[in-house]
């Protein structure tokens, strides 16, 4: 099990390290809403990995792996039919760009949050990705160092989950 604690501790396969969570902390899963800047207290399956092929080699992992492309995005418009799903830019509704200038999305693990089924407004694009150098808060995701991400992905396998816990 991979776990992230509200205290900023990340634990994966016997290795403990630092993580960043939502700018507004953690929130009970049932209360999670789009734009609240909080990370849901939940168990989220690891769906797959996206990576920037112009910056990194494909990470070693047994999880489904796909290179990012400059036109890839993720819809965050609750009233759009593609809410909380991948889209291609240009996209007519609000959609986050996954190809970013900074490095936080150089590796993204898509987490199973609000995806089976999708409930409009319940939160979108909850990812496990790379932390900023200062480990500042995310918009609701879980963020770790590149070293910790690559070490965890090397051990991860289909069926694994990431659990966010209040401590």
Foldseek 3Di string as FASTA:
>chain_A
DWEAEQVQWTDFPHDIDGKAFFLVTEDDLVPAFQQPRHAYQFKWFFQAKEAAVVVDDFFAAQGHYDYDDQQKWADCQLVDPRHQHIDGPPDPHDTGGLDDPDAFSRMKTDIRRCVVPNHRGSYHDAIETAADPVNRHDSHHMHYHPVVVSVRRNVDHGPHIYGYYYD
